[in-house]
PDB file of N, CA and C in Angstrom:
ATOM      1  N   UNK A   1     -18.386  18.580  13.950  1.00  0.00           N
ATOM      2  CA  UNK A   1     -18.335  17.085  14.298  1.00  0.00           C
ATOM      3  C   UNK A   1     -17.793  16.386  13.171  1.00  0.00           C
ATOM      4  N   UNK A   2     -17.427  15.245  13.551  1.00  0.00           N
ATOM      5  CA  UNK A   2     -16.765  14.382  12.523  1.00  0.00           C
ATOM      6  C   UNK A   2     -17.626  13.248  12.245  1.00  0.00           C
ATOM      7  N   UNK A   3     -17.820  12.802  10.996  1.00  0.00           N
ATOM      8  CA  UNK A   3     -18.680  11.653  10.626  1.00  0.00           C
ATOM      9  C   UNK A   3     -17.671  10.687   9.837  1.00  0.00           C
ATOM     10  N   UNK A   4     -17.616   9.421  10.154  1.00  0.00           N
ATOM     11  CA  UNK A   4     -16.720   8.423   9.388  1.00  0.00           C
ATOM     12  C   UNK A   4     -17.663   7.365   8.925  1.00  0.00           C
ATOM     13  N   UNK A   5     -17.710   6.967   7.667  1.00  0.00           N
ATOM     14  CA  UNK A   5     -18.691   6.045   7.083  1.00  0.00           C
ATOM     15  C   UNK A   5     -17.823   4.928   6.420  1.00  0.00           C
ATOM     16  N   UNK A   6     -18.399   3.743   6.449  1.00  0.00           N
ATOM     17  CA  UNK A   6     -17.782   2.540   5.765  1.00  0.00           C
ATOM     18  C   UNK A   6     -19.087   1.828   5.255  1.00  0.00           C
ATOM     19  N   UNK A   7     -18.736   0.828   4.522  1.00  0.00           N
ATOM     20  CA  UNK A   7     -19.813  -0.094   3.819  1.00  0.00           C
ATOM     21  C   UNK A   7     -20.774  -0.578   4.691  1.00  0.00           C
ATOM     22  N   UNK A   8     -20.365  -0.902   6.061  1.00  0.00           N
ATOM     23  CA  UNK A   8     -21.378  -1.545   6.993  1.00  0.00           C
ATOM     24  C   UNK A   8     -21.340  -0.698   8.341  1.00  0.00           C
ATOM     25  N   UNK A   9     -20.917   0.519   8.433  1.00  0.00           N
ATOM     26  CA  UNK A   9     -20.985   1.289   9.787  1.00  0.00           C
ATOM     27  C   UNK A   9     -21.013   2.792   9.609  1.00  0.00           C
ATOM     28  N   UNK A  10     -21.225   3.442  10.635  1.00  0.00           N
ATOM     29  CA  UNK A  10     -21.229   4.912  10.768  1.00  0.00           C
ATOM     30  C   UNK A  10     -20.922   5.287  12.102  1.00  0.00           C
ATOM     31  N   UNK A  11     -19.709   6.028  12.212  1.00  0.00           N
ATOM     32  CA  UNK A  11     -19.186   6.656  13.314  1.00  0.00           C
ATOM     33  C   UNK A  11     -19.300   8.208  13.407  1.00  0.00           C
ATOM     34  N   UNK A  12     -20.129   8.494  14.477  1.00  0.00           N
ATOM     35  CA  UNK A  12     -20.358  10.085  14.461  1.00  0.00           C
ATOM     36  C   UNK A  12     -19.699  10.546  15.775  1.00  0.00           C
ATOM     37  N   UNK A  13     -19.061  11.607  15.752  1.00  0.00           N
ATOM     38  CA  UNK A  13     -18.320  12.202  16.857  1.00  0.00           C
ATOM     39  C   UNK A  13     -19.433  12.866  17.830  1.00  0.00           C
ATOM     40  N   UNK A  14     -19.523  12.613  19.033  1.00  0.00           N
ATOM     41  CA  UNK A  14     -20.194  13.232  20.046  1.00  0.00           C
ATOM     42  C   UNK A  14     -19.842  14.680  20.067  1.00  0.00           C
ATOM     43  N   UNK A  15     -20.845  15.673  20.269  1.00  0.00           N
ATOM     44  CA  UNK A  15     -20.602  16.938  20.305  1.00  0.00           C
ATOM     45  C   UNK A  15     -19.729  17.290  21.305  1.00  0.00           C
ATOM     46  N   UNK A  16     -18.689  18.193  21.178  1.00  0.00           N
ATOM     47  CA  UNK A  16     -17.786  18.727  22.270  1.00  0.00           C
ATOM     48  C   UNK A  16     -17.101  17.396  22.840  1.00  0.00           C
ATOM     49  N   UNK A  17     -16.814  16.511  22.126  1.00  0.00           N
ATOM     50  CA  UNK A  17     -16.158  15.206  22.941  1.00  0.00           C
ATOM     51  C   UNK A  17     -15.203  14.649  21.895  1.00  0.00           C
ATOM     52  N   UNK A  18     -14.240  13.756  22.338  1.00  0.00           N
ATOM     53  CA  UNK A  18     -13.409  13.042  21.495  1.00  0.00           C
ATOM     54  C   UNK A  18     -13.996  11.487  21.425  1.00  0.00           C
ATOM     55  N   UNK A  19     -15.181  11.302  21.751  1.00  0.00           N
ATOM     56  CA  UNK A  19     -15.987   9.967  21.665  1.00  0.00           C
ATOM     57  C   UNK A  19     -16.883   9.956  20.545  1.00  0.00           C
ATOM     58  N   UNK A  20     -17.238   8.769  20.244  1.00  0.00           N
ATOM     59  CA  UNK A  20     -18.074   8.524  19.016  1.00  0.00           C
ATOM     60  C   UNK A  20     -19.303   7.623  19.438  1.00  0.00           C
ATOM     61  N   UNK A  21     -20.305   7.734  18.505  1.00  0.00           N
ATOM     62  CA  UNK A  21     -21.441   6.834  18.476  1.00  0.00           C
ATOM     63  C   UNK A  21     -21.159   5.814  17.198  1.00  0.00           C
ATOM     64  N   UNK A  22     -21.310   4.556  17.512  1.00  0.00           N
ATOM     65  CA  UNK A  22     -21.130   3.531  16.412  1.00  0.00           C
ATOM     66  C   UNK A  22     -22.423   2.882  15.974  1.00  0.00           C
ATOM     67  N   UNK A  23     -22.877   3.097  14.819  1.00  0.00           N
ATOM     68  CA  UNK A  23     -24.026   2.325  14.091  1.00  0.00           C
ATOM     69  C   UNK A  23     -23.410   1.316  13.079  1.00  0.00           C
ATOM     70  N   UNK A  24     -24.076   0.132  13.161  1.00  0.00           N
ATOM     71  CA  UNK A  24     -23.427  -0.933  12.254  1.00  0.00           C
ATOM     72  C   UNK A  24     -24.797  -1.466  11.594  1.00  0.00           C
ATOM     73  N   UNK A  25     -24.283  -1.899  10.341  1.00  0.00           N
ATOM     74  CA  UNK A  25     -25.535  -2.473   9.454  1.00  0.00           C
ATOM     75  C   UNK A  25     -25.962  -3.767  10.055  1.00  0.00           C
ATOM     76  N   UNK A  26     -27.199  -3.848  10.155  1.00  0.00           N
ATOM     77  CA  UNK A  26     -27.882  -5.110  10.673  1.00  0.00           C
ATOM     78  C   UNK A  26     -29.107  -5.469   9.726  1.00  0.00           C
ATOM     79  N   UNK A  27     -29.325  -6.721   9.606  1.00  0.00           N
ATOM     80  CA  UNK A  27     -30.397  -7.219   8.802  1.00  0.00           C
ATOM     81  C   UNK A  27     -31.601  -7.379   9.718  1.00  0.00           C
ATOM     82  N   UNK A  28     -32.706  -6.831   9.305  1.00  0.00           N
ATOM     83  CA  UNK A  28     -34.032  -6.899  10.025  1.00  0.00           C
ATOM     84  C   UNK A  28     -34.786  -7.867   9.278  1.00  0.00           C
ATOM     85  N   UNK A  29     -35.506  -8.666  10.035  1.00  0.00           N
ATOM     86  CA  UNK A  29     -36.619  -9.703   9.596  1.00  0.00           C
ATOM     87  C   UNK A  29     -35.760 -10.658   8.504  1.00  0.00           C
ATOM     88  N   UNK A  30     -34.575 -10.964   9.023  1.00  0.00           N
ATOM     89  CA  UNK A  30     -33.738 -12.081   8.151  1.00  0.00           C
ATOM     90  C   UNK A  30     -34.660 -13.106   7.800  1.00  0.00           C
ATOM     91  N   UNK A  31     -34.535 -13.380   6.259  1.00  0.00           N
ATOM     92  CA  UNK A  31     -35.251 -14.535   5.791  1.00  0.00           C
ATOM     93  C   UNK A  31     -36.721 -14.399   5.468  1.00  0.00           C
ATOM     94  N   UNK A  32     -37.240 -13.276   5.719  1.00  0.00           N
ATOM     95  CA  UNK A  32     -38.684 -12.991   5.580  1.00  0.00           C
ATOM     96  C   UNK A  32     -38.836 -11.960   4.284  1.00  0.00           C
ATOM     97  N   UNK A  33     -40.030 -11.983   3.720  1.00  0.00           N
ATOM     98  CA  UNK A  33     -40.335 -11.091   2.645  1.00  0.00           C
ATOM     99  C   UNK A  33     -39.994  -9.823   2.731  1.00  0.00           C
ATOM    100  N   UNK A  34     -39.910  -9.268   3.994  1.00  0.00           N
ATOM    101  CA  UNK A  34     -39.780  -7.805   4.246  1.00  0.00           C
ATOM    102  C   UNK A  34     -38.298  -7.518   4.962  1.00  0.00           C
ATOM    103  N   UNK A  35     -37.385  -8.435   4.520  1.00  0.00           N
ATOM    104  CA  UNK A  35     -35.929  -8.340   4.967  1.00  0.00           C
ATOM    105  C   UNK A  35     -35.333  -7.067   4.495  1.00  0.00           C
ATOM    106  N   UNK A  36     -34.759  -6.358   5.323  1.00  0.00           N
ATOM    107  CA  UNK A  36     -34.044  -5.257   4.933  1.00  0.00           C
ATOM    108  C   UNK A  36     -32.720  -5.100   5.767  1.00  0.00           C
ATOM    109  N   UNK A  37     -31.936  -4.135   5.298  1.00  0.00           N
ATOM    110  CA  UNK A  37     -30.693  -3.731   6.076  1.00  0.00           C
ATOM    111  C   UNK A  37     -30.857  -2.132   6.697  1.00  0.00           C
ATOM    112  N   UNK A  38     -30.467  -2.065   7.821  1.00  0.00           N
ATOM    113  CA  UNK A  38     -30.446  -0.709   8.424  1.00  0.00           C
ATOM    114  C   UNK A  38     -29.454  -0.585   9.313  1.00  0.00           C
ATOM    115  N   UNK A  39     -28.942   0.645   9.538  1.00  0.00           N
ATOM    116  CA  UNK A  39     -28.030   1.060  10.637  1.00  0.00           C
ATOM    117  C   UNK A  39     -28.622   1.166  11.961  1.00  0.00           C
ATOM    118  N   UNK A  40     -27.952   0.365  12.923  1.00  0.00           N
ATOM    119  CA  UNK A  40     -28.532   0.347  14.147  1.00  0.00           C
ATOM    120  C   UNK A  40     -27.573   0.656  15.173  1.00  0.00           C
ATOM    121  N   UNK A  41     -27.673   1.532  16.216  1.00  0.00           N
ATOM    122  CA  UNK A  41     -26.661   1.897  17.100  1.00  0.00           C
ATOM    123  C   UNK A  41     -26.228   0.611  18.041  1.00  0.00           C
ATOM    124  N   UNK A  42     -24.836   0.450  17.945  1.00  0.00           N
ATOM    125  CA  UNK A  42     -24.230  -0.730  18.640  1.00  0.00           C
ATOM    126  C   UNK A  42     -23.528  -0.140  19.931  1.00  0.00           C
ATOM    127  N   UNK A  43     -22.818   1.053  19.701  1.00  0.00           N
ATOM    128  CA  UNK A  43     -22.127   1.624  20.854  1.00  0.00           C
ATOM    129  C   UNK A  43     -22.312   2.994  21.003  1.00  0.00           C
ATOM    130  N   UNK A  44     -22.432   3.778  22.214  1.00  0.00           N
ATOM    131  CA  UNK A  44     -22.468   5.053  22.385  1.00  0.00           C
ATOM    132  C   UNK A  44     -21.435   5.604  23.202  1.00  0.00           C
ATOM    133  N   UNK A  45     -20.807   6.715  23.001  1.00  0.00           N
ATOM    134  CA  UNK A  45     -19.816   7.278  23.624  1.00  0.00           C
ATOM    135  C   UNK A  45     -18.492   6.651  23.898  1.00  0.00           C
ATOM    136  N   UNK A  46     -17.899   6.095  22.987  1.00  0.00           N
ATOM    137  CA  UNK A  46     -16.681   5.336  22.900  1.00  0.00           C
ATOM    138  C   UNK A  46     -15.763   6.044  22.189  1.00  0.00           C
ATOM    139  N   UNK A  47     -14.383   5.768  22.651  1.00  0.00           N
ATOM    140  CA  UNK A  47     -13.238   6.201  22.029  1.00  0.00           C
ATOM    141  C   UNK A  47     -13.134   5.599  20.537  1.00  0.00           C
ATOM    142  N   UNK A  48     -12.401   6.262  19.676  1.00  0.00           N
ATOM    143  CA  UNK A  48     -12.252   5.862  18.206  1.00  0.00           C
ATOM    144  C   UNK A  48     -11.585   4.586  18.143  1.00  0.00           C
ATOM    145  N   UNK A  49     -10.703   4.297  18.871  1.00  0.00           N
ATOM    146  CA  UNK A  49      -9.858   3.098  18.813  1.00  0.00           C
ATOM    147  C   UNK A  49     -10.732   1.884  19.139  1.00  0.00           C
ATOM    148  N   UNK A  50     -11.538   2.074  20.213  1.00  0.00           N
ATOM    149  CA  UNK A  50     -12.497   1.085  20.668  1.00  0.00           C
ATOM    150  C   UNK A  50     -13.511   0.805  19.520  1.00  0.00           C
ATOM    151  N   UNK A  51     -14.142   1.685  18.968  1.00  0.00           N
ATOM    152  CA  UNK A  51     -15.231   1.572  18.071  1.00  0.00           C
ATOM    153  C   UNK A  51     -14.487   0.937  16.786  1.00  0.00           C
ATOM    154  N   UNK A  52     -13.449   1.113  16.216  1.00  0.00           N
ATOM    155  CA  UNK A  52     -12.717   0.544  15.155  1.00  0.00           C
ATOM    156  C   UNK A  52     -12.547  -0.814  15.496  1.00  0.00           C
ATOM    157  N   UNK A  53     -11.988  -1.123  16.736  1.00  0.00           N
ATOM    158  CA  UNK A  53     -11.772  -2.596  17.156  1.00  0.00           C
ATOM    159  C   UNK A  53     -13.195  -3.294  17.031  1.00  0.00           C
ATOM    160  N   UNK A  54     -14.321  -2.688  17.325  1.00  0.00           N
ATOM    161  CA  UNK A  54     -15.474  -3.517  17.411  1.00  0.00           C
ATOM    162  C   UNK A  54     -16.038  -3.706  15.907  1.00  0.00           C
ATOM    163  N   UNK A  55     -15.647  -2.711  15.019  1.00  0.00           N
ATOM    164  CA  UNK A  55     -16.053  -2.908  13.627  1.00  0.00           C
ATOM    165  C   UNK A  55     -15.230  -4.154  13.183  1.00  0.00           C
ATOM    166  N   UNK A  56     -13.927  -4.084  13.360  1.00  0.00           N
ATOM    167  CA  UNK A  56     -13.172  -5.299  12.851  1.00  0.00           C
ATOM    168  C   UNK A  56     -13.648  -6.582  13.360  1.00  0.00           C
ATOM    169  N   UNK A  57     -13.840  -6.658  14.797  1.00  0.00           N
ATOM    170  CA  UNK A  57     -14.092  -7.942  15.344  1.00  0.00           C
ATOM    171  C   UNK A  57     -15.543  -8.470  14.876  1.00  0.00           C
ATOM    172  N   UNK A  58     -16.463  -7.574  14.634  1.00  0.00           N
ATOM    173  CA  UNK A  58     -17.727  -7.966  14.057  1.00  0.00           C
ATOM    174  C   UNK A  58     -17.591  -8.579  12.768  1.00  0.00           C
ATOM    175  N   UNK A  59     -16.552  -8.159  11.971  1.00  0.00           N
ATOM    176  CA  UNK A  59     -16.375  -8.868  10.708  1.00  0.00           C
ATOM    177  C   UNK A  59     -15.720 -10.057  10.801  1.00  0.00           C
ATOM    178  N   UNK A  60     -14.889 -10.231  11.865  1.00  0.00           N
ATOM    179  CA  UNK A  60     -14.310 -11.393  11.944  1.00  0.00           C
ATOM    180  C   UNK A  60     -15.100 -12.460  12.613  1.00  0.00           C
ATOM    181  N   UNK A  61     -16.208 -12.134  13.136  1.00  0.00           N
ATOM    182  CA  UNK A  61     -17.123 -13.079  13.886  1.00  0.00           C
ATOM    183  C   UNK A  61     -17.517 -14.196  13.031  1.00  0.00           C
ATOM    184  N   UNK A  62     -17.440 -14.079  11.658  1.00  0.00           N
ATOM    185  CA  UNK A  62     -17.758 -15.191  10.706  1.00  0.00           C
ATOM    186  C   UNK A  62     -16.752 -16.220  10.561  1.00  0.00           C
ATOM    187  N   UNK A  63     -15.530 -16.187  11.178  1.00  0.00           N
ATOM    188  CA  UNK A  63     -14.600 -17.202  11.209  1.00  0.00           C
ATOM    189  C   UNK A  63     -15.206 -18.226  11.954  1.00  0.00           C
ATOM    190  N   UNK A  64     -15.416 -19.458  11.191  1.00  0.00           N
ATOM    191  CA  UNK A  64     -15.951 -20.749  11.775  1.00  0.00           C
ATOM    192  C   UNK A  64     -14.866 -21.883  11.753  1.00  0.00           C
ATOM    193  N   UNK A  65     -13.850 -21.563  12.382  1.00  0.00           N
ATOM    194  CA  UNK A  65     -12.701 -22.566  12.540  1.00  0.00           C
ATOM    195  C   UNK A  65     -11.748 -22.191  13.572  1.00  0.00           C
ATOM    196  N   UNK A  66     -10.913 -23.172  13.954  1.00  0.00           N
ATOM    197  CA  UNK A  66      -9.812 -22.970  14.853  1.00  0.00           C
ATOM    198  C   UNK A  66      -8.639 -22.307  14.100  1.00  0.00           C
ATOM    199  N   UNK A  67      -8.223 -21.283  14.682  1.00  0.00           N
ATOM    200  CA  UNK A  67      -6.990 -20.660  14.087  1.00  0.00           C
ATOM    201  C   UNK A  67      -5.878 -20.382  15.187  1.00  0.00           C
ATOM    202  N   UNK A  68      -4.617 -20.335  14.677  1.00  0.00           N
ATOM    203  CA  UNK A  68      -3.580 -19.870  15.752  1.00  0.00           C
ATOM    204  C   UNK A  68      -3.560 -18.404  15.888  1.00  0.00           C
ATOM    205  N   UNK A  69      -2.857 -17.917  16.937  1.00  0.00           N
ATOM    206  CA  UNK A  69      -2.909 -16.584  17.013  1.00  0.00           C
ATOM    207  C   UNK A  69      -2.318 -15.668  15.972  1.00  0.00           C
ATOM    208  N   UNK A  70      -1.194 -16.352  15.335  1.00  0.00           N
ATOM    209  CA  UNK A  70      -0.688 -15.766  14.190  1.00  0.00           C
ATOM    210  C   UNK A  70      -1.591 -15.528  13.077  1.00  0.00           C
ATOM    211  N   UNK A  71      -2.479 -16.707  12.785  1.00  0.00           N
ATOM    212  CA  UNK A  71      -3.393 -16.605  11.688  1.00  0.00           C
ATOM    213  C   UNK A  71      -4.510 -15.523  12.082  1.00  0.00           C
ATOM    214  N   UNK A  72      -4.928 -15.508  13.303  1.00  0.00           N
ATOM    215  CA  UNK A  72      -5.956 -14.503  13.796  1.00  0.00           C
ATOM    216  C   UNK A  72      -5.319 -13.067  13.599  1.00  0.00           C
ATOM    217  N   UNK A  73      -4.082 -12.804  13.865  1.00  0.00           N
ATOM    218  CA  UNK A  73      -3.464 -11.460  13.855  1.00  0.00           C
ATOM    219  C   UNK A  73      -3.466 -11.111  12.456  1.00  0.00           C
ATOM    220  N   UNK A  74      -3.077 -12.166  11.417  1.00  0.00           N
ATOM    221  CA  UNK A  74      -2.991 -11.934   9.952  1.00  0.00           C
ATOM    222  C   UNK A  74      -4.429 -11.417   9.372  1.00  0.00           C
ATOM    223  N   UNK A  75      -5.418 -12.213   9.840  1.00  0.00           N
ATOM    224  CA  UNK A  75      -6.866 -11.768   9.699  1.00  0.00           C
ATOM    225  C   UNK A  75      -7.199 -10.344  10.066  1.00  0.00           C
ATOM    226  N   UNK A  76      -6.908 -10.121  11.249  1.00  0.00           N
ATOM    227  CA  UNK A  76      -7.078  -8.826  11.770  1.00  0.00           C
ATOM    228  C   UNK A  76      -6.357  -7.737  11.128  1.00  0.00           C
ATOM    229  N   UNK A  77      -5.145  -7.917  10.724  1.00  0.00           N
ATOM    230  CA  UNK A  77      -4.446  -6.890  10.094  1.00  0.00           C
ATOM    231  C   UNK A  77      -4.866  -6.603   8.633  1.00  0.00           C
ATOM    232  N   UNK A  78      -5.454  -7.736   8.064  1.00  0.00           N
ATOM    233  CA  UNK A  78      -6.081  -7.724   6.694  1.00  0.00           C
ATOM    234  C   UNK A  78      -7.289  -6.936   6.797  1.00  0.00           C
ATOM    235  N   UNK A  79      -8.108  -7.216   7.723  1.00  0.00           N
ATOM    236  CA  UNK A  79      -9.387  -6.437   8.016  1.00  0.00           C
ATOM    237  C   UNK A  79      -9.069  -4.834   8.253  1.00  0.00           C
ATOM    238  N   UNK A  80      -8.075  -4.579   8.970  1.00  0.00           N
ATOM    239  CA  UNK A  80      -7.750  -3.209   9.200  1.00  0.00           C
ATOM    240  C   UNK A  80      -7.451  -2.531   7.765  1.00  0.00           C
ATOM    241  N   UNK A  81      -6.710  -3.238   7.042  1.00  0.00           N
ATOM    242  CA  UNK A  81      -6.351  -2.734   5.585  1.00  0.00           C
ATOM    243  C   UNK A  81      -7.572  -2.377   4.735  1.00  0.00           C
ATOM    244  N   UNK A  82      -8.492  -3.239   4.870  1.00  0.00           N
ATOM    245  CA  UNK A  82      -9.729  -3.177   4.050  1.00  0.00           C
ATOM    246  C   UNK A  82     -10.481  -2.040   4.652  1.00  0.00           C
ATOM    247  N   UNK A  83     -10.649  -1.902   5.864  1.00  0.00           N
ATOM    248  CA  UNK A  83     -11.236  -0.695   6.454  1.00  0.00           C
ATOM    249  C   UNK A  83     -10.584   0.713   6.178  1.00  0.00           C
ATOM    250  N   UNK A  84      -9.204   0.633   6.092  1.00  0.00           N
ATOM    251  CA  UNK A  84      -8.603   1.870   5.797  1.00  0.00           C
ATOM    252  C   UNK A  84      -8.979   2.274   4.464  1.00  0.00           C
ATOM    253  N   UNK A  85      -9.099   1.337   3.461  1.00  0.00           N
ATOM    254  CA  UNK A  85      -9.561   1.688   2.050  1.00  0.00           C
ATOM    255  C   UNK A  85     -10.780   2.043   1.795  1.00  0.00           C
ATOM    256  N   UNK A  86     -11.738   1.646   2.817  1.00  0.00           N
ATOM    257  CA  UNK A  86     -13.246   1.915   2.467  1.00  0.00           C
ATOM    258  C   UNK A  86     -13.684   3.196   3.200  1.00  0.00           C
ATOM    259  N   UNK A  87     -12.831   3.832   4.112  1.00  0.00           N
ATOM    260  CA  UNK A  87     -13.401   4.948   5.024  1.00  0.00           C
ATOM    261  C   UNK A  87     -13.781   6.106   4.307  1.00  0.00           C
ATOM    262  N   UNK A  88     -14.737   6.731   4.629  1.00  0.00           N
ATOM    263  CA  UNK A  88     -15.095   8.232   3.977  1.00  0.00           C
ATOM    264  C   UNK A  88     -15.226   8.971   5.340  1.00  0.00           C
ATOM    265  N   UNK A  89     -14.625  10.267   5.299  1.00  0.00           N
ATOM    266  CA  UNK A  89     -14.680  11.025   6.456  1.00  0.00           C
ATOM    267  C   UNK A  89     -15.412  12.252   5.983  1.00  0.00           C
ATOM    268  N   UNK A  90     -16.301  12.911   6.733  1.00  0.00           N
ATOM    269  CA  UNK A  90     -16.978  14.123   6.490  1.00  0.00           C
ATOM    270  C   UNK A  90     -17.125  14.815   7.738  1.00  0.00           C
ATOM    271  N   UNK A  91     -17.247  16.097   7.466  1.00  0.00           N
ATOM    272  CA  UNK A  91     -17.421  16.885   8.829  1.00  0.00           C
ATOM    273  C   UNK A  91     -19.047  17.509   8.729  1.00  0.00           C
ATOM    274  N   UNK A  92     -19.691  17.257   9.722  1.00  0.00           N
ATOM    275  CA  UNK A  92     -21.099  17.689   9.966  1.00  0.00           C
ATOM    276  C   UNK A  92     -21.337  18.784  10.874  1.00  0.00           C
TER     277      UNK A  92
END
């Protein structure tokens, strides 16, 4: 099986499948004294391209302004480039 990790996600290939389980970093008890970050399952049994799309879109959710389609695509491409640089791939 294949395991792909980044700074805020983990993708694990489903056994005997070409689909993945996606876990993303979530803040638990935000703003409280026992605040912590942990990986929580976001998607189960999804194709790799859809999982990567979800990672990028979750990072872009912080955009708090109106943008043109060109600006959005530029931001999307930039996030893909960042993702490519931070990925670590292991077999498990």
